[in-house]
């Protein structure tokens, strides 16, 4: 009976060591996964910033074009008044 108990304790000890190793491996895998997600988040943040910069530049360019078109339209309007019949 003591031999059977010793055998069961030995098996339980091995199982606990194995479980501890599996937990460590899982923890390491989780750290790697978290690191990958952090890199993805940084990339998305950079992409978003670049997209916002492009959008801002586009709005500035559109505003300049509108001002130029308005100036040209006013100039044409002034010129047309000189040719009224």
PDB file of N, CA and C in Angstrom:
ATOM      1  N   UNK A   1       0.824  -1.183   0.000  1.00  0.00           N
ATOM      2  CA  UNK A   1       0.000   0.000   0.000  1.00  0.00           C
ATOM      3  C   UNK A   1       0.878   1.260   0.000  1.00  0.00           C
ATOM      4  N   UNK A   2       1.957   1.253   0.758  1.00  0.00           N
ATOM      5  CA  UNK A   2       2.871   2.398   0.783  1.00  0.00           C
ATOM      6  C   UNK A   2       3.559   2.527  -0.574  1.00  0.00           C
ATOM      7  N   UNK A   3       3.904   1.441  -1.213  1.00  0.00           N
ATOM      8  CA  UNK A   3       4.521   1.489  -2.543  1.00  0.00           C
ATOM      9  C   UNK A   3       3.573   2.101  -3.555  1.00  0.00           C
ATOM     10  N   UNK A   4       2.308   1.720  -3.493  1.00  0.00           N
ATOM     11  CA  UNK A   4       1.313   2.278  -4.420  1.00  0.00           C
ATOM     12  C   UNK A   4       1.159   3.774  -4.175  1.00  0.00           C
ATOM     13  N   UNK A   5       1.158   4.175  -2.903  1.00  0.00           N
ATOM     14  CA  UNK A   5       1.037   5.592  -2.562  1.00  0.00           C
ATOM     15  C   UNK A   5       2.253   6.367  -3.048  1.00  0.00           C
ATOM     16  N   UNK A   6       3.472   5.773  -2.865  1.00  0.00           N
ATOM     17  CA  UNK A   6       4.697   6.415  -3.359  1.00  0.00           C
ATOM     18  C   UNK A   6       4.636   6.594  -4.876  1.00  0.00           C
ATOM     19  N   UNK A   7       4.164   5.585  -5.572  1.00  0.00           N
ATOM     20  CA  UNK A   7       4.060   5.638  -7.036  1.00  0.00           C
ATOM     21  C   UNK A   7       3.101   6.748  -7.459  1.00  0.00           C
ATOM     22  N   UNK A   8       1.977   6.848  -6.759  1.00  0.00           N
ATOM     23  CA  UNK A   8       0.999   7.897  -7.095  1.00  0.00           C
ATOM     24  C   UNK A   8       1.558   9.281  -6.800  1.00  0.00           C
ATOM     25  N   UNK A   9       2.291   9.430  -5.709  1.00  0.00           N
ATOM     26  CA  UNK A   9       2.911  10.717  -5.375  1.00  0.00           C
ATOM     27  C   UNK A   9       3.955  11.075  -6.424  1.00  0.00           C
ATOM     28  N   UNK A  10       4.719  10.106  -6.858  1.00  0.00           N
ATOM     29  CA  UNK A  10       5.737  10.333  -7.898  1.00  0.00           C
ATOM     30  C   UNK A  10       5.079  10.773  -9.200  1.00  0.00           C
ATOM     31  N   UNK A  11       3.992  10.088  -9.590  1.00  0.00           N
ATOM     32  CA  UNK A  11       3.269  10.481 -10.810  1.00  0.00           C
ATOM     33  C   UNK A  11       2.666  11.877 -10.673  1.00  0.00           C
ATOM     34  N   UNK A  12       2.126  12.177  -9.493  1.00  0.00           N
ATOM     35  CA  UNK A  12       1.546  13.509  -9.266  1.00  0.00           C
ATOM     36  C   UNK A  12       2.627  14.581  -9.348  1.00  0.00           C
ATOM     37  N   UNK A  13       3.795  14.282  -8.802  1.00  0.00           N
ATOM     38  CA  UNK A  13       4.919  15.219  -8.849  1.00  0.00           C
ATOM     39  C   UNK A  13       5.344  15.482 -10.285  1.00  0.00           C
ATOM     40  N   UNK A  14       5.453  14.421 -11.092  1.00  0.00           N
ATOM     41  CA  UNK A  14       5.806  14.575 -12.510  1.00  0.00           C
ATOM     42  C   UNK A  14       4.741  15.390 -13.250  1.00  0.00           C
ATOM     43  N   UNK A  15       3.474  15.110 -12.937  1.00  0.00           N
ATOM     44  CA  UNK A  15       2.382  15.838 -13.586  1.00  0.00           C
ATOM     45  C   UNK A  15       2.430  17.318 -13.224  1.00  0.00           C
ATOM     46  N   UNK A  16       2.756  17.628 -11.967  1.00  0.00           N
ATOM     47  CA  UNK A  16       2.851  19.035 -11.536  1.00  0.00           C
ATOM     48  C   UNK A  16       4.010  19.741 -12.247  1.00  0.00           C
ATOM     49  N   UNK A  17       5.151  19.054 -12.383  1.00  0.00           N
ATOM     50  CA  UNK A  17       6.287  19.646 -13.097  1.00  0.00           C
ATOM     51  C   UNK A  17       5.916  19.911 -14.560  1.00  0.00           C
ATOM     52  N   UNK A  18       5.257  18.907 -15.173  1.00  0.00           N
ATOM     53  CA  UNK A  18       4.833  19.065 -16.568  1.00  0.00           C
ATOM     54  C   UNK A  18       3.861  20.239 -16.704  1.00  0.00           C
ATOM     55  N   UNK A  19       2.895  20.326 -15.795  1.00  0.00           N
ATOM     56  CA  UNK A  19       1.921  21.416 -15.840  1.00  0.00           C
ATOM     57  C   UNK A  19       2.618  22.762 -15.664  1.00  0.00           C
ATOM     58  N   UNK A  20       3.603  22.817 -14.773  1.00  0.00           N
ATOM     59  CA  UNK A  20       4.363  24.062 -14.573  1.00  0.00           C
ATOM     60  C   UNK A  20       5.091  24.469 -15.841  1.00  0.00           C
ATOM     61  N   UNK A  21       5.685  23.495 -16.530  1.00  0.00           N
ATOM     62  CA  UNK A  21       6.388  23.788 -17.794  1.00  0.00           C
ATOM     63  C   UNK A  21       5.414  24.289 -18.858  1.00  0.00           C
ATOM     64  N   UNK A  22       4.242  23.673 -18.908  1.00  0.00           N
ATOM     65  CA  UNK A  22       3.234  24.091 -19.896  1.00  0.00           C
ATOM     66  C   UNK A  22       2.778  25.519 -19.604  1.00  0.00           C
ATOM     67  N   UNK A  23       2.618  25.861 -18.333  1.00  0.00           N
ATOM     68  CA  UNK A  23       2.220  27.223 -17.966  1.00  0.00           C
ATOM     69  C   UNK A  23       3.304  28.220 -18.393  1.00  0.00           C
ATOM     70  N   UNK A  24       4.558  27.881 -18.176  1.00  0.00           N
ATOM     71  CA  UNK A  24       5.665  28.763 -18.581  1.00  0.00           C
ATOM     72  C   UNK A  24       5.664  28.940 -20.099  1.00  0.00           C
ATOM     73  N   UNK A  25       5.491  27.847 -20.839  1.00  0.00           N
ATOM     74  CA  UNK A  25       5.441  27.934 -22.309  1.00  0.00           C
ATOM     75  C   UNK A  25       4.266  28.793 -22.758  1.00  0.00           C
ATOM     76  N   UNK A  26       3.128  28.619 -22.119  1.00  0.00           N
ATOM     77  CA  UNK A  26       1.952  29.427 -22.462  1.00  0.00           C
ATOM     78  C   UNK A  26       2.182  30.888 -22.175  1.00  0.00           C
ATOM     79  N   UNK A  27       2.826  31.167 -21.050  1.00  0.00           N
ATOM     80  CA  UNK A  27       3.135  32.553 -20.684  1.00  0.00           C
ATOM     81  C   UNK A  27       4.069  33.188 -21.712  1.00  0.00           C
ATOM     82  N   UNK A  28       5.081  32.435 -22.151  1.00  0.00           N
ATOM     83  CA  UNK A  28       6.014  32.947 -23.168  1.00  0.00           C
ATOM     84  C   UNK A  28       5.298  33.198 -24.495  1.00  0.00           C
ATOM     85  N   UNK A  29       4.408  32.285 -24.865  1.00  0.00           N
ATOM     86  CA  UNK A  29       3.651  32.468 -26.108  1.00  0.00           C
ATOM     87  C   UNK A  29       2.750  33.703 -26.006  1.00  0.00           C
ATOM     88  N   UNK A  30       2.177  33.909 -24.842  1.00  0.00           N
ATOM     89  CA  UNK A  30       1.329  35.082 -24.639  1.00  0.00           C
ATOM     90  C   UNK A  30       2.142  36.367 -24.745  1.00  0.00           C
ATOM     91  N   UNK A  31       3.349  36.375 -24.189  1.00  0.00           N
ATOM     92  CA  UNK A  31       4.227  37.549 -24.284  1.00  0.00           C
ATOM     93  C   UNK A  31       4.557  37.850 -25.749  1.00  0.00           C
ATOM     94  N   UNK A  32       4.872  36.805 -26.514  1.00  0.00           N
ATOM     95  CA  UNK A  32       5.188  37.000 -27.941  1.00  0.00           C
ATOM     96  C   UNK A  32       3.977  37.552 -28.688  1.00  0.00           C
ATOM     97  N   UNK A  33       2.802  37.004 -28.384  1.00  0.00           N
ATOM     98  CA  UNK A  33       1.573  37.461 -29.040  1.00  0.00           C
ATOM     99  C   UNK A  33       1.293  38.912 -28.693  1.00  0.00           C
ATOM    100  N   UNK A  34       1.459  39.261 -27.429  1.00  0.00           N
ATOM    101  CA  UNK A  34       1.237  40.644 -27.005  1.00  0.00           C
ATOM    102  C   UNK A  34       2.210  41.587 -27.706  1.00  0.00           C
ATOM    103  N   UNK A  35       3.471  41.151 -27.840  1.00  0.00           N
ATOM    104  CA  UNK A  35       4.461  41.962 -28.547  1.00  0.00           C
ATOM    105  C   UNK A  35       4.058  42.183 -30.003  1.00  0.00           C
ATOM    106  N   UNK A  36       3.544  41.138 -30.648  1.00  0.00           N
ATOM    107  CA  UNK A  36       3.101  41.260 -32.045  1.00  0.00           C
ATOM    108  C   UNK A  36       1.923  42.228 -32.147  1.00  0.00           C
ATOM    109  N   UNK A  37       0.972  42.121 -31.219  1.00  0.00           N
ATOM    110  CA  UNK A  37      -0.169  43.033 -31.242  1.00  0.00           C
ATOM    111  C   UNK A  37       0.266  44.475 -30.997  1.00  0.00           C
ATOM    112  N   UNK A  38       1.253  44.675 -30.153  1.00  0.00           N
ATOM    113  CA  UNK A  38       1.756  46.033 -29.907  1.00  0.00           C
ATOM    114  C   UNK A  38       2.381  46.611 -31.181  1.00  0.00           C
ATOM    115  N   UNK A  39       3.112  45.775 -31.919  1.00  0.00           N
ATOM    116  CA  UNK A  39       3.697  46.233 -33.182  1.00  0.00           C
ATOM    117  C   UNK A  39       2.600  46.592 -34.181  1.00  0.00           C
ATOM    118  N   UNK A  40       1.548  45.773 -34.221  1.00  0.00           N
ATOM    119  CA  UNK A  40       0.425  46.051 -35.118  1.00  0.00           C
ATOM    120  C   UNK A  40      -0.237  47.367 -34.721  1.00  0.00           C
ATOM    121  N   UNK A  41      -0.448  47.571 -33.432  1.00  0.00           N
ATOM    122  CA  UNK A  41      -1.074  48.810 -32.953  1.00  0.00           C
ATOM    123  C   UNK A  41      -0.218  50.018 -33.312  1.00  0.00           C
ATOM    124  N   UNK A  42       1.099  49.908 -33.165  1.00  0.00           N
ATOM    125  CA  UNK A  42       1.995  51.009 -33.539  1.00  0.00           C
ATOM    126  C   UNK A  42       1.907  51.291 -35.034  1.00  0.00           C
ATOM    127  N   UNK A  43       1.845  50.238 -35.836  1.00  0.00           N
ATOM    128  CA  UNK A  43       1.746  50.416 -37.286  1.00  0.00           C
ATOM    129  C   UNK A  43       0.438  51.095 -37.672  1.00  0.00           C
ATOM    130  N   UNK A  44      -0.650  50.680 -37.032  1.00  0.00           N
ATOM    131  CA  UNK A  44      -1.957  51.285 -37.313  1.00  0.00           C
ATOM    132  C   UNK A  44      -1.940  52.759 -36.918  1.00  0.00           C
ATOM    133  N   UNK A  45      -1.314  53.062 -35.784  1.00  0.00           N
ATOM    134  CA  UNK A  45      -1.224  54.453 -35.341  1.00  0.00           C
ATOM    135  C   UNK A  45      -0.444  55.294 -36.355  1.00  0.00           C
ATOM    136  N   UNK A  46       0.664  54.738 -36.846  1.00  0.00           N
ATOM    137  CA  UNK A  46       1.454  55.450 -37.853  1.00  0.00           C
ATOM    138  C   UNK A  46       0.680  55.642 -39.144  1.00  0.00           C
ATOM    139  N   UNK A  47      -0.034  54.606 -39.563  1.00  0.00           N
ATOM    140  CA  UNK A  47      -0.841  54.694 -40.778  1.00  0.00           C
ATOM    141  C   UNK A  47      -1.926  55.758 -40.621  1.00  0.00           C
ATOM    142  N   UNK A  48      -2.577  55.772 -39.467  1.00  0.00           N
ATOM    143  CA  UNK A  48      -3.637  56.752 -39.211  1.00  0.00           C
ATOM    144  C   UNK A  48      -3.076  58.169 -39.264  1.00  0.00           C
ATOM    145  N   UNK A  49      -1.910  58.377 -38.657  1.00  0.00           N
ATOM    146  CA  UNK A  49      -1.283  59.701 -38.685  1.00  0.00           C
ATOM    147  C   UNK A  49      -0.978  60.121 -40.117  1.00  0.00           C
ATOM    148  N   UNK A  50      -0.427  59.187 -40.900  1.00  0.00           N
ATOM    149  CA  UNK A  50      -0.116  59.509 -42.293  1.00  0.00           C
ATOM    150  C   UNK A  50      -1.384  59.828 -43.084  1.00  0.00           C
ATOM    151  N   UNK A  51      -2.442  59.073 -42.850  1.00  0.00           N
ATOM    152  CA  UNK A  51      -3.706  59.324 -43.542  1.00  0.00           C
ATOM    153  C   UNK A  51      -4.265  60.685 -43.166  1.00  0.00           C
ATOM    154  N   UNK A  52      -4.161  61.045 -41.895  1.00  0.00           N
ATOM    155  CA  UNK A  52      -4.640  62.354 -41.454  1.00  0.00           C
ATOM    156  C   UNK A  52      -3.807  63.478 -42.085  1.00  0.00           C
ATOM    157  N   UNK A  53      -2.497  63.262 -42.184  1.00  0.00           N
ATOM    158  CA  UNK A  53      -1.627  64.259 -42.823  1.00  0.00           C
ATOM    159  C   UNK A  53      -2.009  64.450 -44.284  1.00  0.00           C
ATOM    160  N   UNK A  54      -2.264  63.344 -44.986  1.00  0.00           N
ATOM    161  CA  UNK A  54      -2.664  63.417 -46.398  1.00  0.00           C
ATOM    162  C   UNK A  54      -4.003  64.129 -46.529  1.00  0.00           C
ATOM    163  N   UNK A  55      -4.949  63.788 -45.656  1.00  0.00           N
ATOM    164  CA  UNK A  55      -6.270  64.427 -45.703  1.00  0.00           C
ATOM    165  C   UNK A  55      -6.151  65.921 -45.445  1.00  0.00           C
ATOM    166  N   UNK A  56      -5.329  66.283 -44.487  1.00  0.00           N
ATOM    167  CA  UNK A  56      -5.132  67.701 -44.166  1.00  0.00           C
ATOM    168  C   UNK A  56      -4.505  68.432 -45.348  1.00  0.00           C
ATOM    169  N   UNK A  57      -3.495  67.816 -45.957  1.00  0.00           N
ATOM    170  CA  UNK A  57      -2.843  68.432 -47.120  1.00  0.00           C
ATOM    171  C   UNK A  57      -3.839  68.575 -48.262  1.00  0.00           C
ATOM    172  N   UNK A  58      -4.684  67.568 -48.464  1.00  0.00           N
ATOM    173  CA  UNK A  58      -5.674  67.629 -49.536  1.00  0.00           C
ATOM    174  C   UNK A  58      -6.656  68.761 -49.298  1.00  0.00           C
ATOM    175  N   UNK A  59      -7.084  68.944 -48.049  1.00  0.00           N
ATOM    176  CA  UNK A  59      -8.011  70.044 -47.737  1.00  0.00           C
ATOM    177  C   UNK A  59      -7.356  71.391 -47.996  1.00  0.00           C
ATOM    178  N   UNK A  60      -6.079  71.512 -47.625  1.00  0.00           N
ATOM    179  CA  UNK A  60      -5.362  72.759 -47.889  1.00  0.00           C
ATOM    180  C   UNK A  60      -5.285  73.024 -49.390  1.00  0.00           C
ATOM    181  N   UNK A  61      -4.994  71.990 -50.161  1.00  0.00           N
ATOM    182  CA  UNK A  61      -4.891  72.154 -51.604  1.00  0.00           C
ATOM    183  C   UNK A  61      -6.246  72.524 -52.205  1.00  0.00           C
ATOM    184  N   UNK A  62      -7.310  71.887 -51.725  1.00  0.00           N
ATOM    185  CA  UNK A  62      -8.654  72.198 -52.224  1.00  0.00           C
ATOM    186  C   UNK A  62      -9.003  73.644 -51.911  1.00  0.00           C
ATOM    187  N   UNK A  63      -8.676  74.082 -50.711  1.00  0.00           N
ATOM    188  CA  UNK A  63      -8.954  75.466 -50.334  1.00  0.00           C
ATOM    189  C   UNK A  63      -8.220  76.440 -51.250  1.00  0.00           C
ATOM    190  N   UNK A  64      -6.967  76.146 -51.549  1.00  0.00           N
ATOM    191  CA  UNK A  64      -6.186  77.022 -52.434  1.00  0.00           C
ATOM    192  C   UNK A  64      -6.785  77.049 -53.836  1.00  0.00           C
ATOM    193  N   UNK A  65      -7.228  75.898 -54.328  1.00  0.00           N
ATOM    194  CA  UNK A  65      -7.838  75.845 -55.665  1.00  0.00           C
ATOM    195  C   UNK A  65      -9.121  76.661 -55.683  1.00  0.00           C
ATOM    196  N   UNK A  66      -9.922  76.535 -54.638  1.00  0.00           N
ATOM    197  CA  UNK A  66     -11.178  77.297 -54.577  1.00  0.00           C
ATOM    198  C   UNK A  66     -10.894  78.787 -54.574  1.00  0.00           C
ATOM    199  N   UNK A  67      -9.902  79.215 -53.812  1.00  0.00           N
ATOM    200  CA  UNK A  67      -9.536  80.633 -53.786  1.00  0.00           C
ATOM    201  C   UNK A  67      -9.082  81.075 -55.170  1.00  0.00           C
ATOM    202  N   UNK A  68      -8.273  80.261 -55.835  1.00  0.00           N
ATOM    203  CA  UNK A  68      -7.782  80.612 -57.179  1.00  0.00           C
ATOM    204  C   UNK A  68      -8.934  80.693 -58.177  1.00  0.00           C
ATOM    205  N   UNK A  69      -9.835  79.727 -58.121  1.00  0.00           N
ATOM    206  CA  UNK A  69     -10.976  79.735 -59.037  1.00  0.00           C
ATOM    207  C   UNK A  69     -11.855  80.958 -58.774  1.00  0.00           C
ATOM    208  N   UNK A  70     -12.068  81.275 -57.511  1.00  0.00           N
ATOM    209  CA  UNK A  70     -12.874  82.459 -57.171  1.00  0.00           C
ATOM    210  C   UNK A  70     -12.223  83.733 -57.698  1.00  0.00           C
ATOM    211  N   UNK A  71     -10.925  83.829 -57.546  1.00  0.00           N
ATOM    212  CA  UNK A  71     -10.195  85.004 -58.038  1.00  0.00           C
ATOM    213  C   UNK A  71     -10.317  85.118 -59.556  1.00  0.00           C
ATOM    214  N   UNK A  72     -10.170  83.998 -60.247  1.00  0.00           N
ATOM    215  CA  UNK A  72     -10.296  83.994 -61.705  1.00  0.00           C
ATOM    216  C   UNK A  72     -11.717  84.378 -62.113  1.00  0.00           C
ATOM    217  N   UNK A  73     -12.723  83.839 -61.401  1.00  0.00           N
ATOM    218  CA  UNK A  73     -14.115  84.155 -61.725  1.00  0.00           C
ATOM    219  C   UNK A  73     -14.396  85.640 -61.528  1.00  0.00           C
ATOM    220  N   UNK A  74     -13.881  86.200 -60.470  1.00  0.00           N
ATOM    221  CA  UNK A  74     -14.067  87.643 -60.226  1.00  0.00           C
ATOM    222  C   UNK A  74     -13.397  88.457 -61.319  1.00  0.00           C
ATOM    223  N   UNK A  75     -12.199  88.045 -61.714  1.00  0.00           N
ATOM    224  CA  UNK A  75     -11.471  88.749 -62.765  1.00  0.00           C
ATOM    225  C   UNK A  75     -12.236  88.689 -64.084  1.00  0.00           C
ATOM    226  N   UNK A  76     -12.747  87.537 -64.425  1.00  0.00           N
ATOM    227  CA  UNK A  76     -13.520  87.378 -65.666  1.00  0.00           C
ATOM    228  C   UNK A  76     -14.783  88.223 -65.595  1.00  0.00           C
ATOM    229  N   UNK A  77     -15.415  88.240 -64.436  1.00  0.00           N
ATOM    230  CA  UNK A  77     -16.635  89.032 -64.266  1.00  0.00           C
ATOM    231  C   UNK A  77     -16.337  90.511 -64.482  1.00  0.00           C
ATOM    232  N   UNK A  78     -15.232  91.008 -63.926  1.00  0.00           N
ATOM    233  CA  UNK A  78     -14.843  92.413 -64.128  1.00  0.00           C
ATOM    234  C   UNK A  78     -14.563  92.698 -65.596  1.00  0.00           C
ATOM    235  N   UNK A  79     -13.891  91.782 -66.251  1.00  0.00           N
ATOM    236  CA  UNK A  79     -13.575  91.956 -67.667  1.00  0.00           C
ATOM    237  C   UNK A  79     -14.846  91.972 -68.514  1.00  0.00           C
ATOM    238  N   UNK A  80     -15.808  91.132 -68.150  1.00  0.00           N
ATOM    239  CA  UNK A  80     -17.054  91.044 -68.930  1.00  0.00           C
ATOM    240  C   UNK A  80     -17.856  92.345 -68.824  1.00  0.00           C
ATOM    241  N   UNK A  81     -17.772  92.999 -67.671  1.00  0.00           N
ATOM    242  CA  UNK A  81     -18.537  94.245 -67.516  1.00  0.00           C
ATOM    243  C   UNK A  81     -18.013  95.313 -68.475  1.00  0.00           C
ATOM    244  N   UNK A  82     -16.790  95.242 -68.862  1.00  0.00           N
ATOM    245  CA  UNK A  82     -16.235  96.225 -69.803  1.00  0.00           C
ATOM    246  C   UNK A  82     -16.778  96.027 -71.226  1.00  0.00           C
ATOM    247  N   UNK A  83     -17.257  94.815 -71.547  1.00  0.00           N
ATOM    248  CA  UNK A  83     -17.723  94.531 -72.882  1.00  0.00           C
ATOM    249  C   UNK A  83     -19.230  94.515 -73.021  1.00  0.00           C
ATOM    250  N   UNK A  84     -19.946  95.074 -72.029  1.00  0.00           N
ATOM    251  CA  UNK A  84     -21.402  95.093 -72.131  1.00  0.00           C
ATOM    252  C   UNK A  84     -21.812  95.960 -73.300  1.00  0.00           C
ATOM    253  N   UNK A  85     -22.824  95.482 -73.979  1.00  0.00           N
ATOM    254  CA  UNK A  85     -23.289  96.201 -75.167  1.00  0.00           C
ATOM    255  C   UNK A  85     -24.489  97.033 -74.836  1.00  0.00           C
TER     256      UNK A  85
END
